[in-house]
């Protein structure tokens, strides 16, 4: 019985040693794995931030372009209004002159 008991104790000690070695190996790997995971998270955050910045810049440029086009259209509309008013004044003068018999 003692021989069997000693064999069981030795087997248990071997299992404990294997568990201990596996735990030590995992403990050694954990910082490396944690560092790799942290770097991956940092890179993902950096990539996301860069993409968001690109989108914000594109939106800002689009808004600036829209504002420039709108300003240009407003200037053109004012110019056309002044031109139309001038033509209307000349047209009214022409009709009045015709009615009055001056032409």
Protein backbone atom coordinates (compact mmCIF):
# COMPACT_ATOMS: atom_id res chain seq x y z
CA UNK A 1 0.00 0.00 0.00
CA UNK A 2 2.84 2.37 0.72
CA UNK A 3 4.27 1.79 -2.74
CA UNK A 4 0.90 2.62 -4.34
CA UNK A 5 0.53 5.68 -2.12
CA UNK A 6 4.04 6.88 -3.03
CA UNK A 7 3.25 6.43 -6.75
CA UNK A 8 0.08 8.48 -6.34
CA UNK A 9 1.97 11.22 -4.52
CA UNK A 10 4.64 11.23 -7.26
CA UNK A 11 1.97 11.41 -9.97
CA UNK A 12 0.27 14.27 -8.15
CA UNK A 13 3.60 16.06 -7.80
CA UNK A 14 4.26 15.62 -11.54
CA UNK A 15 0.84 17.03 -12.33
CA UNK A 16 1.46 19.92 -9.97
CA UNK A 17 4.84 20.55 -11.59
CA UNK A 18 3.26 20.49 -15.08
CA UNK A 19 0.51 22.87 -13.95
CA UNK A 20 3.11 25.14 -12.35
CA UNK A 21 5.24 25.17 -15.53
CA UNK A 22 2.19 25.86 -17.68
CA UNK A 23 1.18 28.71 -15.38
CA UNK A 24 4.71 30.14 -15.47
CA UNK A 25 4.76 29.92 -19.26
CA UNK A 26 1.37 31.64 -19.46
CA UNK A 27 2.52 34.30 -17.00
CA UNK A 28 5.56 34.94 -19.16
CA UNK A 29 3.38 35.21 -22.26
CA UNK A 30 0.72 37.45 -20.69
CA UNK A 31 2.76 40.69 -20.70
CA UNK A 32 3.80 40.10 -24.30
CA UNK A 33 0.26 39.29 -25.33
CA UNK A 34 -1.09 42.25 -23.38
CA UNK A 35 1.45 44.52 -25.10
CA UNK A 36 0.47 43.19 -28.51
CA UNK A 37 -3.22 43.65 -27.76
CA UNK A 38 -2.59 47.17 -26.46
CA UNK A 39 -0.64 48.03 -29.61
CA UNK A 40 -3.49 46.66 -31.73
CA UNK A 41 -6.01 48.78 -29.82
CA UNK A 42 -3.79 51.86 -30.14
CA UNK A 43 -3.34 51.29 -33.88
CA UNK A 44 -7.10 50.81 -34.35
CA UNK A 45 -7.83 54.01 -32.41
CA UNK A 46 -5.22 55.89 -34.47
CA UNK A 47 -6.65 54.54 -37.71
CA UNK A 48 -10.21 55.44 -36.66
CA UNK A 49 -9.11 58.95 -35.64
CA UNK A 50 -7.33 59.48 -38.96
CA UNK A 51 -10.39 58.33 -40.90
CA UNK A 52 -12.66 60.61 -38.88
CA UNK A 53 -10.26 63.51 -39.46
CA UNK A 54 -10.28 62.81 -43.21
CA UNK A 55 -14.07 62.83 -43.20
CA UNK A 56 -14.25 66.07 -41.21
CA UNK A 57 -11.76 67.72 -43.58
CA UNK A 58 -13.74 66.53 -46.59
CA UNK A 59 -16.97 67.87 -45.08
CA UNK A 60 -15.31 71.19 -44.26
CA UNK A 61 -13.95 71.47 -47.78
CA UNK A 62 -17.37 70.65 -49.21
CA UNK A 63 -18.98 73.31 -47.02
CA UNK A 64 -16.34 75.85 -48.07
CA UNK A 65 -16.91 74.97 -51.73
CA UNK A 66 -20.68 75.32 -51.27
CA UNK A 67 -20.23 78.70 -49.59
CA UNK A 68 -17.94 79.86 -52.40
CA UNK A 69 -20.41 78.74 -55.07
CA UNK A 70 -23.30 80.38 -53.21
CA UNK A 71 -21.39 83.65 -52.88
CA UNK A 72 -20.52 83.58 -56.56
CA UNK A 73 -24.16 82.83 -57.50
CA UNK A 74 -25.40 85.70 -55.31
CA UNK A 75 -22.94 88.10 -56.98
CA UNK A 76 -24.07 86.91 -60.41
CA UNK A 77 -27.74 87.30 -59.41
CA UNK A 78 -27.11 90.89 -58.24
CA UNK A 79 -25.27 91.66 -61.48
CA UNK A 80 -28.14 90.20 -63.52
CA UNK A 81 -30.67 92.19 -61.46
CA UNK A 82 -28.80 95.44 -62.10
CA UNK A 83 -28.55 94.57 -65.80
CA UNK A 84 -32.26 93.68 -65.97
CA UNK A 85 -33.22 96.92 -64.23
CA UNK A 86 -31.10 98.85 -66.71
CA UNK A 87 -32.74 97.08 -69.63
CA UNK A 88 -36.19 97.65 -68.17
CA UNK A 89 -35.50 101.39 -67.80
CA UNK A 90 -34.31 101.59 -71.39
CA UNK A 91 -37.32 99.58 -72.59
CA UNK A 92 -39.77 101.82 -70.73
CA UNK A 93 -38.07 104.93 -72.13
CA UNK A 94 -38.24 103.50 -75.65
CA UNK A 95 -41.96 102.67 -75.33
CA UNK A 96 -42.75 106.09 -73.88
CA UNK A 97 -40.82 107.78 -76.66
CA UNK A 98 -42.72 105.73 -79.25
CA UNK A 99 -46.06 106.53 -77.65
CA UNK A 100 -45.18 110.20 -77.43
CA UNK A 101 -44.14 110.11 -81.06
CA UNK A 102 -40.55 111.13 -80.47
CA UNK A 103 -39.24 108.17 -82.42
